[in-house]
């Protein structure tokens, strides 16, 4: 889904190396979710149930990088 790539690719390119080891694992777990679920989280239509995912989604949403 292009909308996801526009948000996730810049974040991973610019921020992944600075994430903690746990955040990196959480990011990889997010990618295992269905595209529609990630999209809803990033659009803040839904909120992840677990705290680490919620916190990382918030970081991604707040990041304003571009391709």
PDB file of N, CA and C in Angstrom:
ATOM      1  N   UNK A   1       0.845  -1.168   0.000  1.00  0.00           N
ATOM      2  CA  UNK A   1       0.000   0.000   0.000  1.00  0.00           C
ATOM      3  C   UNK A   1       0.896   1.239   0.000  1.00  0.00           C
ATOM      4  N   UNK A   2       0.726   2.058  -1.003  1.00  0.00           N
ATOM      5  CA  UNK A   2       1.581   3.235  -1.187  1.00  0.00           C
ATOM      6  C   UNK A   2       1.525   4.182   0.009  1.00  0.00           C
ATOM      7  N   UNK A   3       0.349   4.374   0.577  1.00  0.00           N
ATOM      8  CA  UNK A   3       0.210   5.286   1.720  1.00  0.00           C
ATOM      9  C   UNK A   3       1.085   4.852   2.888  1.00  0.00           C
ATOM     10  N   UNK A   4       1.205   3.554   3.088  1.00  0.00           N
ATOM     11  CA  UNK A   4       2.070   3.053   4.161  1.00  0.00           C
ATOM     12  C   UNK A   4       3.530   3.305   3.843  1.00  0.00           C
ATOM     13  N   UNK A   5       3.912   3.047   2.611  1.00  0.00           N
ATOM     14  CA  UNK A   5       5.304   3.260   2.216  1.00  0.00           C
ATOM     15  C   UNK A   5       5.716   4.714   2.382  1.00  0.00           C
ATOM     16  N   UNK A   6       4.815   5.628   2.083  1.00  0.00           N
ATOM     17  CA  UNK A   6       5.135   7.050   2.199  1.00  0.00           C
ATOM     18  C   UNK A   6       5.440   7.457   3.640  1.00  0.00           C
ATOM     19  N   UNK A   7       4.899   6.729   4.592  1.00  0.00           N
ATOM     20  CA  UNK A   7       5.152   7.031   6.002  1.00  0.00           C
ATOM     21  C   UNK A   7       6.242   6.136   6.596  1.00  0.00           C
ATOM     22  N   UNK A   8       6.214   4.856   6.267  1.00  0.00           N
ATOM     23  CA  UNK A   8       7.127   3.911   6.907  1.00  0.00           C
ATOM     24  C   UNK A   8       8.546   3.961   6.342  1.00  0.00           C
ATOM     25  N   UNK A   9       8.690   4.119   5.035  1.00  0.00           N
ATOM     26  CA  UNK A   9      10.030   4.103   4.439  1.00  0.00           C
ATOM     27  C   UNK A   9      10.890   5.252   4.966  1.00  0.00           C
ATOM     28  N   UNK A  10      10.409   6.491   4.960  1.00  0.00           N
ATOM     29  CA  UNK A  10      11.244   7.569   5.510  1.00  0.00           C
ATOM     30  C   UNK A  10      11.573   7.359   6.997  1.00  0.00           C
ATOM     31  N   UNK A  11      10.599   6.857   7.761  1.00  0.00           N
ATOM     32  CA  UNK A  11      10.842   6.641   9.189  1.00  0.00           C
ATOM     33  C   UNK A  11      11.932   5.603   9.394  1.00  0.00           C
ATOM     34  N   UNK A  12      11.823   4.476   8.717  1.00  0.00           N
ATOM     35  CA  UNK A  12      12.827   3.423   8.913  1.00  0.00           C
ATOM     36  C   UNK A  12      14.189   3.879   8.399  1.00  0.00           C
ATOM     37  N   UNK A  13      14.211   4.591   7.295  1.00  0.00           N
ATOM     38  CA  UNK A  13      15.465   5.095   6.738  1.00  0.00           C
ATOM     39  C   UNK A  13      16.157   6.068   7.689  1.00  0.00           C
ATOM     40  N   UNK A  14      15.378   6.966   8.269  1.00  0.00           N
ATOM     41  CA  UNK A  14      15.955   8.054   9.059  1.00  0.00           C
ATOM     42  C   UNK A  14      16.025   7.777  10.566  1.00  0.00           C
ATOM     43  N   UNK A  15      15.215   6.856  11.069  1.00  0.00           N
ATOM     44  CA  UNK A  15      15.069   6.706  12.519  1.00  0.00           C
ATOM     45  C   UNK A  15      15.360   5.317  13.071  1.00  0.00           C
ATOM     46  N   UNK A  16      15.312   4.283  12.239  1.00  0.00           N
ATOM     47  CA  UNK A  16      15.405   2.916  12.749  1.00  0.00           C
ATOM     48  C   UNK A  16      16.678   2.682  13.557  1.00  0.00           C
ATOM     49  N   UNK A  17      17.796   3.167  13.086  1.00  0.00           N
ATOM     50  CA  UNK A  17      19.072   2.924  13.766  1.00  0.00           C
ATOM     51  C   UNK A  17      19.105   3.544  15.164  1.00  0.00           C
ATOM     52  N   UNK A  18      18.323   4.599  15.384  1.00  0.00           N
ATOM     53  CA  UNK A  18      18.314   5.260  16.687  1.00  0.00           C
ATOM     54  C   UNK A  18      17.290   4.659  17.656  1.00  0.00           C
ATOM     55  N   UNK A  19      16.461   3.753  17.174  1.00  0.00           N
ATOM     56  CA  UNK A  19      15.487   3.115  18.059  1.00  0.00           C
ATOM     57  C   UNK A  19      16.195   2.142  18.996  1.00  0.00           C
ATOM     58  N   UNK A  20      15.597   1.935  20.144  1.00  0.00           N
ATOM     59  CA  UNK A  20      16.135   0.930  21.064  1.00  0.00           C
ATOM     60  C   UNK A  20      15.940  -0.454  20.449  1.00  0.00           C
ATOM     61  N   UNK A  21      16.634  -1.440  20.996  1.00  0.00           N
ATOM     62  CA  UNK A  21      16.492  -2.809  20.490  1.00  0.00           C
ATOM     63  C   UNK A  21      15.038  -3.271  20.582  1.00  0.00           C
ATOM     64  N   UNK A  22      14.362  -2.945  21.676  1.00  0.00           N
ATOM     65  CA  UNK A  22      12.954  -3.328  21.837  1.00  0.00           C
ATOM     66  C   UNK A  22      12.067  -2.625  20.808  1.00  0.00           C
ATOM     67  N   UNK A  23      12.337  -1.356  20.553  1.00  0.00           N
ATOM     68  CA  UNK A  23      11.554  -0.632  19.552  1.00  0.00           C
ATOM     69  C   UNK A  23      11.773  -1.214  18.160  1.00  0.00           C
ATOM     70  N   UNK A  24      12.993  -1.645  17.867  1.00  0.00           N
ATOM     71  CA  UNK A  24      13.265  -2.272  16.579  1.00  0.00           C
ATOM     72  C   UNK A  24      12.473  -3.571  16.433  1.00  0.00           C
ATOM     73  N   UNK A  25      12.407  -4.360  17.493  1.00  0.00           N
ATOM     74  CA  UNK A  25      11.615  -5.594  17.476  1.00  0.00           C
ATOM     75  C   UNK A  25      10.133  -5.250  17.295  1.00  0.00           C
ATOM     76  N   UNK A  26       9.681  -4.222  17.975  1.00  0.00           N
ATOM     77  CA  UNK A  26       8.281  -3.791  17.855  1.00  0.00           C
ATOM     78  C   UNK A  26       7.985  -3.329  16.437  1.00  0.00           C
ATOM     79  N   UNK A  27       8.903  -2.591  15.833  1.00  0.00           N
ATOM     80  CA  UNK A  27       8.717  -2.141  14.451  1.00  0.00           C
ATOM     81  C   UNK A  27       8.557  -3.338  13.519  1.00  0.00           C
ATOM     82  N   UNK A  28       9.408  -4.337  13.683  1.00  0.00           N
ATOM     83  CA  UNK A  28       9.316  -5.533  12.852  1.00  0.00           C
ATOM     84  C   UNK A  28       7.991  -6.259  13.083  1.00  0.00           C
ATOM     85  N   UNK A  29       7.516  -6.263  14.321  1.00  0.00           N
ATOM     86  CA  UNK A  29       6.223  -6.887  14.617  1.00  0.00           C
ATOM     87  C   UNK A  29       5.080  -6.107  13.963  1.00  0.00           C
ATOM     88  N   UNK A  30       5.190  -4.794  13.938  1.00  0.00           N
ATOM     89  CA  UNK A  30       4.172  -3.976  13.274  1.00  0.00           C
ATOM     90  C   UNK A  30       4.074  -4.358  11.803  1.00  0.00           C
ATOM     91  N   UNK A  31       5.224  -4.572  11.169  1.00  0.00           N
ATOM     92  CA  UNK A  31       5.223  -4.916   9.743  1.00  0.00           C
ATOM     93  C   UNK A  31       4.563  -6.259   9.460  1.00  0.00           C
ATOM     94  N   UNK A  32       4.450  -7.096  10.460  1.00  0.00           N
ATOM     95  CA  UNK A  32       3.793  -8.397  10.287  1.00  0.00           C
ATOM     96  C   UNK A  32       2.266  -8.273  10.324  1.00  0.00           C
ATOM     97  N   UNK A  33       1.771  -7.119  10.730  1.00  0.00           N
ATOM     98  CA  UNK A  33       0.322  -6.890  10.782  1.00  0.00           C
ATOM     99  C   UNK A  33      -0.226  -6.670   9.372  1.00  0.00           C
ATOM    100  N   UNK A  34      -1.530  -6.786   9.251  1.00  0.00           N
ATOM    101  CA  UNK A  34      -2.197  -6.511   7.979  1.00  0.00           C
ATOM    102  C   UNK A  34      -2.048  -5.032   7.618  1.00  0.00           C
ATOM    103  N   UNK A  35      -1.930  -4.753   6.324  1.00  0.00           N
ATOM    104  CA  UNK A  35      -1.780  -3.369   5.881  1.00  0.00           C
ATOM    105  C   UNK A  35      -2.899  -2.471   6.391  1.00  0.00           C
ATOM    106  N   UNK A  36      -4.133  -2.954   6.316  1.00  0.00           N
ATOM    107  CA  UNK A  36      -5.259  -2.127   6.749  1.00  0.00           C
ATOM    108  C   UNK A  36      -5.140  -1.767   8.230  1.00  0.00           C
ATOM    109  N   UNK A  37      -4.594  -2.709   9.042  1.00  0.00           N
ATOM    110  CA  UNK A  37      -4.450  -2.445  10.469  1.00  0.00           C
ATOM    111  C   UNK A  37      -3.401  -1.363  10.711  1.00  0.00           C
ATOM    112  N   UNK A  38      -2.264  -1.478  10.055  1.00  0.00           N
ATOM    113  CA  UNK A  38      -1.206  -0.467  10.190  1.00  0.00           C
ATOM    114  C   UNK A  38      -1.731   0.886   9.723  1.00  0.00           C
ATOM    115  N   UNK A  39      -2.439   0.891   8.595  1.00  0.00           N
ATOM    116  CA  UNK A  39      -2.996   2.128   8.052  1.00  0.00           C
ATOM    117  C   UNK A  39      -3.936   2.789   9.052  1.00  0.00           C
ATOM    118  N   UNK A  40      -4.829   2.002   9.656  1.00  0.00           N
ATOM    119  CA  UNK A  40      -5.744   2.558  10.652  1.00  0.00           C
ATOM    120  C   UNK A  40      -4.996   3.122  11.853  1.00  0.00           C
ATOM    121  N   UNK A  41      -3.942   2.447  12.292  1.00  0.00           N
ATOM    122  CA  UNK A  41      -3.133   2.973  13.393  1.00  0.00           C
ATOM    123  C   UNK A  41      -2.484   4.299  13.017  1.00  0.00           C
ATOM    124  N   UNK A  42      -1.885   4.342  11.819  1.00  0.00           N
ATOM    125  CA  UNK A  42      -1.195   5.560  11.397  1.00  0.00           C
ATOM    126  C   UNK A  42      -2.156   6.712  11.154  1.00  0.00           C
ATOM    127  N   UNK A  43      -3.388   6.398  10.781  1.00  0.00           N
ATOM    128  CA  UNK A  43      -4.411   7.430  10.602  1.00  0.00           C
ATOM    129  C   UNK A  43      -5.098   7.773  11.922  1.00  0.00           C
ATOM    130  N   UNK A  44      -4.707   7.059  12.969  1.00  0.00           N
ATOM    131  CA  UNK A  44      -5.243   7.225  14.322  1.00  0.00           C
ATOM    132  C   UNK A  44      -6.752   6.973  14.383  1.00  0.00           C
ATOM    133  N   UNK A  45      -7.197   6.067  13.511  1.00  0.00           N
ATOM    134  CA  UNK A  45      -8.590   5.620  13.555  1.00  0.00           C
ATOM    135  C   UNK A  45      -8.758   4.535  14.613  1.00  0.00           C
ATOM    136  N   UNK A  46      -7.668   3.829  14.889  1.00  0.00           N
ATOM    137  CA  UNK A  46      -7.623   2.818  15.932  1.00  0.00           C
ATOM    138  C   UNK A  46      -6.339   3.013  16.724  1.00  0.00           C
ATOM    139  N   UNK A  47      -6.317   2.474  17.924  1.00  0.00           N
ATOM    140  CA  UNK A  47      -5.144   2.567  18.792  1.00  0.00           C
ATOM    141  C   UNK A  47      -4.689   1.146  19.107  1.00  0.00           C
ATOM    142  N   UNK A  48      -3.397   0.857  18.932  1.00  0.00           N
ATOM    143  CA  UNK A  48      -2.900  -0.480  19.281  1.00  0.00           C
ATOM    144  C   UNK A  48      -3.167  -0.787  20.749  1.00  0.00           C
ATOM    145  N   UNK A  49      -3.404  -2.051  21.033  1.00  0.00           N
ATOM    146  CA  UNK A  49      -3.714  -2.453  22.406  1.00  0.00           C
ATOM    147  C   UNK A  49      -2.498  -2.458  23.323  1.00  0.00           C
ATOM    148  N   UNK A  50      -1.332  -2.873  22.784  1.00  0.00           N
ATOM    149  CA  UNK A  50      -0.166  -2.955  23.678  1.00  0.00           C
ATOM    150  C   UNK A  50       0.630  -1.652  23.649  1.00  0.00           C
ATOM    151  N   UNK A  51       1.182  -1.331  24.804  1.00  0.00           N
ATOM    152  CA  UNK A  51       1.870  -0.049  25.005  1.00  0.00           C
ATOM    153  C   UNK A  51       3.078   0.154  24.076  1.00  0.00           C
ATOM    154  N   UNK A  52       3.977  -0.828  23.900  1.00  0.00           N
ATOM    155  CA  UNK A  52       5.123  -0.595  23.016  1.00  0.00           C
ATOM    156  C   UNK A  52       4.716  -0.267  21.574  1.00  0.00           C
ATOM    157  N   UNK A  53       3.702  -0.969  21.079  1.00  0.00           N
ATOM    158  CA  UNK A  53       3.240  -0.687  19.723  1.00  0.00           C
ATOM    159  C   UNK A  53       2.606   0.691  19.653  1.00  0.00           C
ATOM    160  N   UNK A  54       1.802   1.015  20.626  1.00  0.00           N
ATOM    161  CA  UNK A  54       1.161   2.330  20.673  1.00  0.00           C
ATOM    162  C   UNK A  54       2.203   3.444  20.678  1.00  0.00           C
ATOM    163  N   UNK A  55       3.239   3.310  21.494  1.00  0.00           N
ATOM    164  CA  UNK A  55       4.273   4.343  21.593  1.00  0.00           C
ATOM    165  C   UNK A  55       5.046   4.482  20.282  1.00  0.00           C
ATOM    166  N   UNK A  56       5.352   3.352  19.645  1.00  0.00           N
ATOM    167  CA  UNK A  56       6.103   3.423  18.389  1.00  0.00           C
ATOM    168  C   UNK A  56       5.233   3.980  17.264  1.00  0.00           C
ATOM    169  N   UNK A  57       3.986   3.599  17.212  1.00  0.00           N
ATOM    170  CA  UNK A  57       3.078   4.178  16.210  1.00  0.00           C
ATOM    171  C   UNK A  57       3.020   5.691  16.397  1.00  0.00           C
ATOM    172  N   UNK A  58       2.965   6.158  17.629  1.00  0.00           N
ATOM    173  CA  UNK A  58       2.953   7.601  17.885  1.00  0.00           C
ATOM    174  C   UNK A  58       4.220   8.263  17.353  1.00  0.00           C
ATOM    175  N   UNK A  59       5.376   7.622  17.523  1.00  0.00           N
ATOM    176  CA  UNK A  59       6.623   8.174  16.985  1.00  0.00           C
ATOM    177  C   UNK A  59       6.566   8.263  15.465  1.00  0.00           C
ATOM    178  N   UNK A  60       6.039   7.215  14.846  1.00  0.00           N
ATOM    179  CA  UNK A  60       5.949   7.205  13.386  1.00  0.00           C
ATOM    180  C   UNK A  60       4.999   8.300  12.908  1.00  0.00           C
ATOM    181  N   UNK A  61       3.863   8.440  13.571  1.00  0.00           N
ATOM    182  CA  UNK A  61       2.879   9.452  13.193  1.00  0.00           C
ATOM    183  C   UNK A  61       3.489  10.855  13.318  1.00  0.00           C
ATOM    184  N   UNK A  62       4.262  11.090  14.360  1.00  0.00           N
ATOM    185  CA  UNK A  62       4.841  12.412  14.606  1.00  0.00           C
ATOM    186  C   UNK A  62       6.009  12.725  13.678  1.00  0.00           C
ATOM    187  N   UNK A  63       6.604  11.695  13.077  1.00  0.00           N
ATOM    188  CA  UNK A  63       7.758  11.904  12.204  1.00  0.00           C
ATOM    189  C   UNK A  63       7.300  12.509  10.885  1.00  0.00           C
ATOM    190  N   UNK A  64       7.997  13.542  10.433  1.00  0.00           N
ATOM    191  CA  UNK A  64       7.590  14.230   9.221  1.00  0.00           C
ATOM    192  C   UNK A  64       8.609  14.140   8.097  1.00  0.00           C
ATOM    193  N   UNK A  65       9.266  13.015   7.980  1.00  0.00           N
ATOM    194  CA  UNK A  65      10.212  12.819   6.888  1.00  0.00           C
ATOM    195  C   UNK A  65       9.474  12.626   5.573  1.00  0.00           C
ATOM    196  N   UNK A  66      10.215  12.704   4.493  1.00  0.00           N
ATOM    197  CA  UNK A  66       9.606  12.476   3.182  1.00  0.00           C
ATOM    198  C   UNK A  66      10.554  11.638   2.323  1.00  0.00           C
ATOM    199  N   UNK A  67       9.990  11.020   1.292  1.00  0.00           N
ATOM    200  CA  UNK A  67      10.784  10.165   0.409  1.00  0.00           C
ATOM    201  C   UNK A  67      11.812  10.954  -0.347  1.00  0.00           C
TER     202      UNK A  67
END
